[in-house]
C-alpha atoms as a PDB file:
ATOM      1  CA  MET A   1     -13.208   1.179  13.030  1.00  0.00           C
ATOM      2  CA  GLN A   2     -10.246   2.397  15.066  1.00  0.00           C
ATOM      3  CA  TRP A   3      -7.729   0.452  17.108  1.00  0.00           C
ATOM      4  CA  ILE A   4      -5.466   1.295  20.039  1.00  0.00           C
ATOM      5  CA  ALA A   5      -1.876   0.019  20.253  1.00  0.00           C
ATOM      6  CA  LYS A   6      -1.355  -1.835  23.526  1.00  0.00           C
ATOM      7  CA  GLU A   7       1.892  -3.811  23.527  1.00  0.00           C
ATOM      8  CA  VAL A   8       5.108  -3.864  21.489  1.00  0.00           C
ATOM      9  CA  GLU A   9       5.819  -7.262  19.939  1.00  0.00           C
ATOM     10  CA  ASP A  10       8.706  -6.510  17.596  1.00  0.00           C
ATOM     11  CA  LEU A  11      10.491  -3.802  15.635  1.00  0.00           C
ATOM     12  CA  LYS A  12      11.404  -4.319  12.005  1.00  0.00           C
ATOM     13  CA  THR A  13      14.901  -2.856  11.748  1.00  0.00           C
ATOM     14  CA  VAL A  14      15.112  -3.392   7.975  1.00  0.00           C
ATOM     15  CA  GLY A  15      13.631  -0.652   5.819  1.00  0.00           C
ATOM     16  CA  ARG A  16      13.344   3.108   5.832  1.00  0.00           C
ATOM     17  CA  THR A  17      10.507   3.542   8.292  1.00  0.00           C
ATOM     18  CA  LYS A  18      11.392   0.916  10.938  1.00  0.00           C
ATOM     19  CA  PRO A  19       7.817  -0.390  11.306  1.00  0.00           C
ATOM     20  CA  LEU A  20       6.667  -1.668  14.675  1.00  0.00           C
ATOM     21  CA  VAL A  21       4.633  -4.802  15.352  1.00  0.00           C
ATOM     22  CA  ALA A  22       2.133  -4.249  18.143  1.00  0.00           C
ATOM     23  CA  SER A  23      -0.885  -6.001  19.578  1.00  0.00           C
ATOM     24  CA  CYS A  24      -3.897  -3.728  19.366  1.00  0.00           C
ATOM     25  CA  THR A  25      -7.411  -3.702  20.748  1.00  0.00           C
ATOM     26  CA  LEU A  26     -10.563  -2.405  19.169  1.00  0.00           C
ATOM     27  CA  ALA A  27     -11.285   1.123  20.330  1.00  0.00           C
ATOM     28  CA  THR A  28     -14.373   2.555  18.695  1.00  0.00           C
ATOM     29  CA  ALA A  29     -16.515   2.436  15.631  1.00  0.00           C
ATOM     30  CA  SER A  30     -16.348   6.224  15.210  1.00  0.00           C
ATOM     31  CA  LEU A  31     -14.250   5.857  12.069  1.00  0.00           C
ATOM     32  CA  ALA A  32     -15.560   3.777   9.186  1.00  0.00           C
ATOM     33  CA  ASP A  33     -14.357   0.199   9.080  1.00  0.00           C
ATOM     34  CA  VAL A  34     -11.560  -0.047   6.509  1.00  0.00           C
ATOM     35  CA  GLY A  35     -11.477  -3.839   6.495  1.00  0.00           C
ATOM     36  CA  THR A  36     -13.796  -6.198   4.691  1.00  0.00           C
ATOM     37  CA  ALA A  37     -14.249  -8.885   7.317  1.00  0.00           C
ATOM     38  CA  PRO A  38     -15.372  -8.970  10.975  1.00  0.00           C
ATOM     39  CA  GLN A  39     -12.472  -8.241  13.284  1.00  0.00           C
ATOM     40  CA  PRO A  40     -11.601  -9.857  16.623  1.00  0.00           C
ATOM     41  CA  ASN A  41     -11.206  -7.681  19.690  1.00  0.00           C
ATOM     42  CA  SER A  42      -7.408  -8.003  19.591  1.00  0.00           C
ATOM     43  CA  ILE A  43      -5.091  -8.254  16.600  1.00  0.00           C
ATOM     44  CA  SER A  44      -1.449  -7.594  15.752  1.00  0.00           C
ATOM     45  CA  PHE A  45      -0.637  -4.874  13.242  1.00  0.00           C
ATOM     46  CA  VAL A  46       2.557  -3.708  11.589  1.00  0.00           C
ATOM     47  CA  LEU A  47       2.559   0.012  12.356  1.00  0.00           C
ATOM     48  CA  LYS A  48       3.978   2.997  10.522  1.00  0.00           C
ATOM     49  CA  TYR A  49       3.825   5.688  13.130  1.00  0.00           C
ATOM     50  CA  PRO A  50       4.557   9.337  13.960  1.00  0.00           C
ATOM     51  CA  GLY A  51       8.204   9.720  14.906  1.00  0.00           C
ATOM     52  CA  SER A  52       9.493   6.909  12.681  1.00  0.00           C
ATOM     53  CA  PRO A  53      12.426   7.653  10.358  1.00  0.00           C
ATOM     54  CA  GLU A  54      11.463   9.559   7.209  1.00  0.00           C
ATOM     55  CA  PHE A  55       7.902   9.927   8.529  1.00  0.00           C
ATOM     56  CA  ARG A  56       5.438  12.093   6.612  1.00  0.00           C
ATOM     57  CA  PRO A  57       1.674  12.008   7.220  1.00  0.00           C
ATOM     58  CA  SER A  58       1.116  11.890   3.455  1.00  0.00           C
ATOM     59  CA  MET A  59       2.892   8.512   3.409  1.00  0.00           C
ATOM     60  CA  LEU A  60       0.132   7.095   5.600  1.00  0.00           C
ATOM     61  CA  TYR A  61      -2.515   8.538   3.285  1.00  0.00           C
ATOM     62  CA  SER A  62      -0.830   6.738   0.381  1.00  0.00           C
ATOM     63  CA  GLU A  63      -0.636   3.508   2.382  1.00  0.00           C
ATOM     64  CA  MET A  64      -4.312   3.533   3.276  1.00  0.00           C
ATOM     65  CA  LEU A  65      -5.692   4.654  -0.065  1.00  0.00           C
ATOM     66  CA  THR A  66      -3.612   2.206  -2.089  1.00  0.00           C
ATOM     67  CA  SER A  67      -4.631  -0.665   0.193  1.00  0.00           C
ATOM     68  CA  LEU A  68      -8.304   0.214  -0.192  1.00  0.00           C
ATOM     69  CA  ILE A  69      -8.008   0.470  -3.978  1.00  0.00           C
ATOM     70  CA  ALA A  70      -5.968  -2.742  -4.248  1.00  0.00           C
ATOM     71  CA  ARG A  71      -8.485  -4.745  -2.237  1.00  0.00           C
ATOM     72  CA  HIS A  72     -11.351  -3.316  -4.287  1.00  0.00           C
ATOM     73  CA  VAL A  73      -9.825  -4.377  -7.628  1.00  0.00           C
ATOM     74  CA  GLY A  74      -8.924  -7.861  -6.412  1.00  0.00           C
ATOM     75  CA  ILE A  75      -5.337  -7.566  -5.171  1.00  0.00           C
ATOM     76  CA  SER A  76      -4.577  -9.075  -1.767  1.00  0.00           C
ATOM     77  CA  THR A  77      -3.143  -6.806   0.917  1.00  0.00           C
ATOM     78  CA  PRO A  78      -2.983  -7.183   4.691  1.00  0.00           C
ATOM     79  CA  THR A  79      -6.089  -5.723   6.315  1.00  0.00           C
ATOM     80  CA  PRO A  80      -5.480  -1.965   6.774  1.00  0.00           C
ATOM     81  CA  ALA A  81      -6.372  -0.074   9.936  1.00  0.00           C
ATOM     82  CA  VAL A  82      -6.129   3.236  11.741  1.00  0.00           C
ATOM     83  CA  VAL A  83      -4.327   2.702  15.065  1.00  0.00           C
ATOM     84  CA  GLU A  84      -4.077   5.217  17.884  1.00  0.00           C
ATOM     85  CA  ILE A  85      -0.681   5.645  19.539  1.00  0.00           C
ATOM     86  CA  THR A  86      -1.406   6.841  23.077  1.00  0.00           C
ATOM     87  CA  ALA A  87       1.092   8.701  25.230  1.00  0.00           C
ATOM     88  CA  GLN A  88       1.285   5.656  27.502  1.00  0.00           C
ATOM     89  CA  PHE A  89       2.090   3.299  24.603  1.00  0.00           C
ATOM     90  CA  ALA A  90       4.628   5.735  23.127  1.00  0.00           C
ATOM     91  CA  ALA A  91       6.467   5.966  26.444  1.00  0.00           C
ATOM     92  CA  ALA A  92       6.548   2.176  26.849  1.00  0.00           C
ATOM     93  CA  ALA A  93       7.691   1.651  23.259  1.00  0.00           C
ATOM     94  CA  ASN A  94      10.431   4.270  23.537  1.00  0.00           C
ATOM     95  CA  ASN A  95      11.846   2.350  26.485  1.00  0.00           C
ATOM     96  CA  VAL A  96      12.454  -0.713  24.314  1.00  0.00           C
ATOM     97  CA  LEU A  97      13.558   0.930  21.045  1.00  0.00           C
ATOM     98  CA  PRO A  98      17.222   1.230  22.133  1.00  0.00           C
ATOM     99  CA  SER A  99      17.375  -2.552  22.576  1.00  0.00           C
ATOM    100  CA  TYR A 100      16.775  -2.789  18.803  1.00  0.00           C
ATOM    101  CA  GLY A 101      19.556  -0.318  18.100  1.00  0.00           C
ATOM    102  CA  CYS A 102      17.115   2.463  17.206  1.00  0.00           C
ATOM    103  CA  HIS A 103      17.434   6.026  18.417  1.00  0.00           C
ATOM    104  CA  HIS A 104      14.253   7.654  17.166  1.00  0.00           C
ATOM    105  CA  SER A 105      11.220   8.239  19.381  1.00  0.00           C
ATOM    106  CA  ILE A 106       7.613   7.315  18.819  1.00  0.00           C
ATOM    107  CA  VAL A 107       5.179  10.157  19.437  1.00  0.00           C
ATOM    108  CA  PRO A 108       1.436   9.965  20.179  1.00  0.00           C
ATOM    109  CA  GLY A 109      -0.888  10.216  17.212  1.00  0.00           C
ATOM    110  CA  LEU A 110      -2.514   8.046  14.553  1.00  0.00           C
ATOM    111  CA  ALA A 111      -0.546   5.253  12.901  1.00  0.00           C
ATOM    112  CA  TYR A 112      -1.246   3.228   9.792  1.00  0.00           C
ATOM    113  CA  GLY A 113      -1.590  -0.452  10.587  1.00  0.00           C
ATOM    114  CA  SER A 114      -1.499  -3.483   8.332  1.00  0.00           C
ATOM    115  CA  GLU A 115      -2.466  -6.847   9.744  1.00  0.00           C
ATOM    116  CA  TYR A 116       0.584  -8.872  10.768  1.00  0.00           C
ATOM    117  CA  ILE A 117       0.508 -12.142   8.846  1.00  0.00           C
ATOM    118  CA  ARG A 118       2.557 -14.676  10.783  1.00  0.00           C
ATOM    119  CA  THR A 119       2.407 -17.712   8.520  1.00  0.00           C
ATOM    120  CA  GLY A 120       1.849 -18.681   4.908  1.00  0.00           C
ATOM    121  CA  LEU A 121       4.098 -16.082   3.264  1.00  0.00           C
ATOM    122  CA  ARG A 122       6.651 -17.385   0.766  1.00  0.00           C
ATOM    123  CA  PRO A 123       9.332 -15.319  -0.982  1.00  0.00           C
ATOM    124  CA  ILE A 124       9.257 -14.679  -4.708  1.00  0.00           C
ATOM    125  CA  ILE A 125      12.300 -16.084  -6.457  1.00  0.00           C
ATOM    126  CA  ALA A 126      13.428 -14.458  -9.704  1.00  0.00           C
ATOM    127  CA  GLY A 127      12.724 -16.636 -12.722  1.00  0.00           C
ATOM    128  CA  MET A 128      10.354 -18.981 -10.916  1.00  0.00           C
ATOM    129  CA  SER A 129       7.472 -20.407 -12.926  1.00  0.00           C
ATOM    130  CA  MET A 130       3.989 -18.974 -12.461  1.00  0.00           C
ATOM    131  CA  THR A 131       0.585 -20.584 -12.357  1.00  0.00           C
ATOM    132  CA  SER A 132      -2.154 -19.054 -14.497  1.00  0.00           C
ATOM    133  CA  THR A 133      -3.611 -17.474 -11.340  1.00  0.00           C
ATOM    134  CA  GLN A 134      -0.260 -15.957 -10.411  1.00  0.00           C
ATOM    135  CA  LEU A 135       0.288 -14.658 -13.940  1.00  0.00           C
ATOM    136  CA  ALA A 136      -3.095 -12.933 -13.904  1.00  0.00           C
ATOM    137  CA  GLN A 137      -2.334 -11.403 -10.510  1.00  0.00           C
ATOM    138  CA  ALA A 138       1.135 -10.323 -11.629  1.00  0.00           C
ATOM    139  CA  ALA A 139      -0.412  -8.440 -14.575  1.00  0.00           C
ATOM    140  CA  LEU A 140      -2.971  -6.834 -12.245  1.00  0.00           C
ATOM    141  CA  ILE A 141      -0.279  -5.769  -9.759  1.00  0.00           C
ATOM    142  CA  TYR A 142       1.898  -4.401 -12.586  1.00  0.00           C
ATOM    143  CA  ALA A 143      -1.008  -2.320 -13.904  1.00  0.00           C
ATOM    144  CA  PHE A 144      -1.895  -1.195 -10.377  1.00  0.00           C
ATOM    145  CA  ASP A 145       1.638  -0.014  -9.593  1.00  0.00           C
ATOM    146  CA  LEU A 146       1.919   1.889 -12.853  1.00  0.00           C
ATOM    147  CA  LEU A 147      -1.469   3.498 -12.263  1.00  0.00           C
ATOM    148  CA  ILE A 148      -0.494   4.730  -8.784  1.00  0.00           C
ATOM    149  CA  GLN A 149       3.085   5.441  -9.947  1.00  0.00           C
ATOM    150  CA  ASN A 150       4.675   3.219  -7.327  1.00  0.00           C
ATOM    151  CA  SER A 151       8.279   2.481  -8.307  1.00  0.00           C
ATOM    152  CA  ASP A 152       9.064   0.681  -5.036  1.00  0.00           C
ATOM    153  CA  ARG A 153       8.151  -2.897  -6.001  1.00  0.00           C
ATOM    154  CA  LYS A 154      11.358  -4.242  -7.503  1.00  0.00           C
ATOM    155  CA  VAL A 155      13.273  -7.508  -7.697  1.00  0.00           C
ATOM    156  CA  ASP A 156      15.642  -6.327  -4.959  1.00  0.00           C
ATOM    157  CA  ASN A 157      12.798  -4.836  -2.900  1.00  0.00           C
ATOM    158  CA  PRO A 158       9.662  -6.773  -3.865  1.00  0.00           C
ATOM    159  CA  ASN A 159       7.207  -5.627  -1.181  1.00  0.00           C
ATOM    160  CA  CYS A 160       5.270  -8.667  -2.330  1.00  0.00           C
ATOM    161  CA  GLN A 161       5.244 -12.349  -1.425  1.00  0.00           C
ATOM    162  CA  GLN A 162       3.487 -15.521  -2.458  1.00  0.00           C
ATOM    163  CA  TYR A 163       0.417 -16.070  -0.348  1.00  0.00           C
ATOM    164  CA  ARG A 164      -2.082 -18.893  -0.706  1.00  0.00           C
ATOM    165  CA  ASP A 165      -2.449 -19.442  -4.468  1.00  0.00           C
ATOM    166  CA  GLY A 166      -1.388 -15.946  -5.492  1.00  0.00           C
ATOM    167  CA  TYR A 167       0.416 -12.872  -4.209  1.00  0.00           C
ATOM    168  CA  ILE A 168      -0.005 -10.315  -1.434  1.00  0.00           C
ATOM    169  CA  ILE A 169       1.443  -6.798  -1.630  1.00  0.00           C
ATOM    170  CA  TYR A 170       2.368  -4.264   1.044  1.00  0.00           C
ATOM    171  CA  ASP A 171       4.406  -1.093   1.688  1.00  0.00           C
ATOM    172  CA  HIS A 172       2.883   1.581  -0.520  1.00  0.00           C
ATOM    173  CA  GLU A 173       4.179   4.743   1.138  1.00  0.00           C
ATOM    174  CA  LEU A 174       6.000   5.797  -2.054  1.00  0.00           C
ATOM    175  CA  ALA A 175       2.885   5.563  -4.229  1.00  0.00           C
ATOM    176  CA  PHE A 176       1.576   8.684  -5.990  1.00  0.00           C
ATOM    177  CA  SER A 177       5.116   9.984  -6.449  1.00  0.00           C
ATOM    178  CA  PHE A 178       3.818  12.556  -8.931  1.00  0.00           C
ATOM    179  CA  VAL A 179       2.539  14.742  -6.073  1.00  0.00           C
ATOM    180  CA  TYR A 180       6.124  15.864  -5.435  1.00  0.00           C
ATOM    181  CA  ILE A 181       6.788  16.914  -9.045  1.00  0.00           C
ATOM    182  CA  LEU A 182       6.890  20.640  -9.691  1.00  0.00           C
ATOM    183  CA  GLY A 183       5.318  21.844 -12.905  1.00  0.00           C
ATOM    184  CA  GLU A 184       3.610  19.778 -15.586  1.00  0.00           C
ATOM    185  CA  GLY A 185       4.648  16.164 -16.044  1.00  0.00           C
ATOM    186  CA  ALA A 186       3.268  13.420 -18.251  1.00  0.00           C
ATOM    187  CA  LYS A 187      -0.468  12.932 -18.561  1.00  0.00           C
ATOM    188  CA  PRO A 188      -1.813  10.755 -15.716  1.00  0.00           C
ATOM    189  CA  TRP A 189      -2.457   7.820 -18.068  1.00  0.00           C
ATOM    190  CA  GLN A 190       1.020   8.067 -19.612  1.00  0.00           C
ATOM    191  CA  LEU A 191       4.077   6.372 -18.137  1.00  0.00           C
ATOM    192  CA  PRO A 192       6.350   9.190 -16.903  1.00  0.00           C
ATOM    193  CA  ASP A 193       9.689   7.387 -17.417  1.00  0.00           C
ATOM    194  CA  ASN A 194      11.271   3.951 -17.771  1.00  0.00           C
ATOM    195  CA  SER A 195      11.184   3.039 -14.069  1.00  0.00           C
ATOM    196  CA  HIS A 196       8.610   0.329 -14.894  1.00  0.00           C
ATOM    197  CA  ARG A 197      11.485  -1.747 -16.294  1.00  0.00           C
ATOM    198  CA  ASN A 198      12.614  -2.276 -12.701  1.00  0.00           C
ATOM    199  CA  HIS A 199       9.215  -3.606 -11.623  1.00  0.00           C
ATOM    200  CA  LEU A 200       9.148  -6.952  -9.864  1.00  0.00           C
ATOM    201  CA  PHE A 201       7.063  -8.572 -12.616  1.00  0.00           C
ATOM    202  CA  TYR A 202       8.435  -6.764 -15.681  1.00  0.00           C
ATOM    203  CA  ARG A 203      10.540  -9.686 -16.914  1.00  0.00           C
ATOM    204  CA  ASP A 204       7.798 -12.203 -16.174  1.00  0.00           C
ATOM    205  CA  LEU A 205       5.247 -10.268 -18.240  1.00  0.00           C
ATOM    206  CA  ARG A 206       7.462  -9.090 -21.077  1.00  0.00           C
ATOM    207  CA  GLY A 207       6.696 -10.751 -24.396  1.00  0.00           C
ATOM    208  CA  ARG A 208       3.412 -12.272 -23.208  1.00  0.00           C
ATOM    209  CA  ASP A 209       0.118 -11.730 -25.005  1.00  0.00           C
ATOM    210  CA  ILE A 210      -1.891  -9.966 -22.312  1.00  0.00           C
ATOM    211  CA  ASP A 211      -5.375  -8.531 -22.765  1.00  0.00           C
ATOM    212  CA  TRP A 212      -4.790  -5.309 -20.844  1.00  0.00           C
ATOM    213  CA  MET A 213      -8.370  -4.099 -21.165  1.00  0.00           C
ATOM    214  CA  GLN A 214      -9.494  -7.263 -19.408  1.00  0.00           C
ATOM    215  CA  VAL A 215      -6.847  -6.714 -16.722  1.00  0.00           C
ATOM    216  CA  LEU A 216      -7.998  -3.115 -16.274  1.00  0.00           C
ATOM    217  CA  ALA A 217     -11.729  -3.922 -16.117  1.00  0.00           C
ATOM    218  CA  PRO A 218     -11.892  -3.753 -12.275  1.00  0.00           C
ATOM    219  CA  PHE A 219     -10.384  -0.252 -12.324  1.00  0.00           C
ATOM    220  CA  ARG A 220     -13.366   1.067 -14.298  1.00  0.00           C
ATOM    221  CA  THR A 221     -15.392   0.775 -11.078  1.00  0.00           C
ATOM    222  CA  LEU A 222     -13.241   3.400  -9.328  1.00  0.00           C
ATOM    223  CA  THR A 223     -15.903   6.090  -9.551  1.00  0.00           C
ATOM    224  CA  ASP A 224     -15.715   9.499  -7.892  1.00  0.00           C
ATOM    225  CA  GLU A 225     -18.302   8.274  -5.398  1.00  0.00           C
ATOM    226  CA  LEU A 226     -16.163   5.285  -4.452  1.00  0.00           C
ATOM    227  CA  LEU A 227     -13.028   7.435  -4.129  1.00  0.00           C
ATOM    228  CA  ASN A 228     -15.006   9.782  -1.870  1.00  0.00           C
ATOM    229  CA  GLU A 229     -15.948   6.789   0.268  1.00  0.00           C
ATOM    230  CA  PHE A 230     -12.331   5.678   0.508  1.00  0.00           C
ATOM    231  CA  HIS A 231     -11.249   9.223   1.358  1.00  0.00           C
ATOM    232  CA  SER A 232     -13.766   9.333   4.210  1.00  0.00           C
ATOM    233  CA  LYS A 233     -12.069   6.333   5.817  1.00  0.00           C
ATOM    234  CA  ILE A 234      -8.702   8.126   6.090  1.00  0.00           C
ATOM    235  CA  PRO A 235      -7.879  10.507   8.963  1.00  0.00           C
ATOM    236  CA  PHE A 236      -7.786  14.124   7.831  1.00  0.00           C
ATOM    237  CA  GLN A 237      -4.442  14.525   9.597  1.00  0.00           C
ATOM    238  CA  TRP A 238      -2.822  12.424   6.856  1.00  0.00           C
ATOM    239  CA  ASP A 239      -4.268  14.389   3.972  1.00  0.00           C
ATOM    240  CA  ALA A 240      -1.904  16.683   2.082  1.00  0.00           C
ATOM    241  CA  TYR A 241      -2.387  15.848  -1.590  1.00  0.00           C
ATOM    242  CA  SER A 242      -5.775  14.147  -1.841  1.00  0.00           C
ATOM    243  CA  GLY A 243      -7.087  16.565  -4.457  1.00  0.00           C
ATOM    244  CA  LYS A 244      -4.139  15.931  -6.745  1.00  0.00           C
ATOM    245  CA  ILE A 245      -4.295  12.173  -6.177  1.00  0.00           C
ATOM    246  CA  ARG A 246      -8.007  11.880  -6.839  1.00  0.00           C
ATOM    247  CA  LYS A 247      -7.696  14.023  -9.985  1.00  0.00           C
ATOM    248  CA  HIS A 248      -4.933  11.694 -11.213  1.00  0.00           C
ATOM    249  CA  LEU A 249      -7.001   8.574 -10.588  1.00  0.00           C
ATOM    250  CA  SER A 250     -10.115  10.021 -12.207  1.00  0.00           C
ATOM    251  CA  GLU A 251      -8.212  11.045 -15.344  1.00  0.00           C
ATOM    252  CA  VAL A 252      -6.619   7.615 -15.683  1.00  0.00           C
ATOM    253  CA  ILE A 253     -10.031   5.935 -15.442  1.00  0.00           C
ATOM    254  CA  ILE A 254     -11.512   8.317 -18.019  1.00  0.00           C
ATOM    255  CA  ASN A 255      -8.608   7.485 -20.342  1.00  0.00           C
ATOM    256  CA  ILE A 256      -8.379   3.798 -19.379  1.00  0.00           C
ATOM    257  CA  GLU A 257      -8.042   2.613 -22.995  1.00  0.00           C
ATOM    258  CA  ASP A 258      -5.043   4.884 -23.580  1.00  0.00           C
ATOM    259  CA  PHE A 259      -3.568   3.645 -20.301  1.00  0.00           C
ATOM    260  CA  GLY A 260      -4.001   0.080 -21.569  1.00  0.00           C
ATOM    261  CA  LYS A 261      -2.027   1.011 -24.678  1.00  0.00           C
ATOM    262  CA  GLU A 262       0.734   2.402 -22.471  1.00  0.00           C
ATOM    263  CA  LEU A 263       0.877  -0.876 -20.556  1.00  0.00           C
ATOM    264  CA  HIS A 264       1.098  -2.846 -23.786  1.00  0.00           C
ATOM    265  CA  ALA A 265       3.878  -0.617 -25.125  1.00  0.00           C
ATOM    266  CA  SER A 266       5.778  -0.787 -21.822  1.00  0.00           C
ATOM    267  CA  LEU A 267       6.565  -4.483 -22.340  1.00  0.00           C
END
């Protein structure tokens, strides 16, 4: 399922990529639906788009794949989407960017969209108490971020908020950081460094008796067939490191018990 950006609603001036909020309409069913629920004919998405600061197509691949994996294993994320930026929309958007103090230019192409959630989000406050549901989700998110080697979910940059009775995560463009490492690093199921100590939920989970194999149970279902299905939902234009990423994920799943030991030792 593909969408077309129609109208600029807002520009998020905080953050590296300066994401754009735009109302979008359903374009075609030529690409597989990446959501899990029926979609209306018009919806607002937060867009990461060609021409944005620090833009790399591989960032959009990471965004889409991590959202698909997260939703599959039971972690809430905004509904992901592929959104077309037409020349007409790019021209209209570029006319309003200066009013936000931005000097980059949007270019036509395919953007990554995440559904814009207007209400119900609540910030996470350091040291706040957790419900049993939130604790279970925190452990799942911690394991997820260490599996995809995402070091960008920290106390000072949570990329996560309270939503309904749990949490919702977003902004995954820095996931799979290992693809930029030259030479041999740690094994995929081994933690490469101590960056996990900066994770948003590190202090909340430290010292707790957590059954990591139970936490990791949903990840066992990430078969090669399922990863192939996810890959087919992502535009080929975004693909630069899919082979390396899929090899990493497959090796972690094969060695899931050793990965569980790494999680236990990390706290």
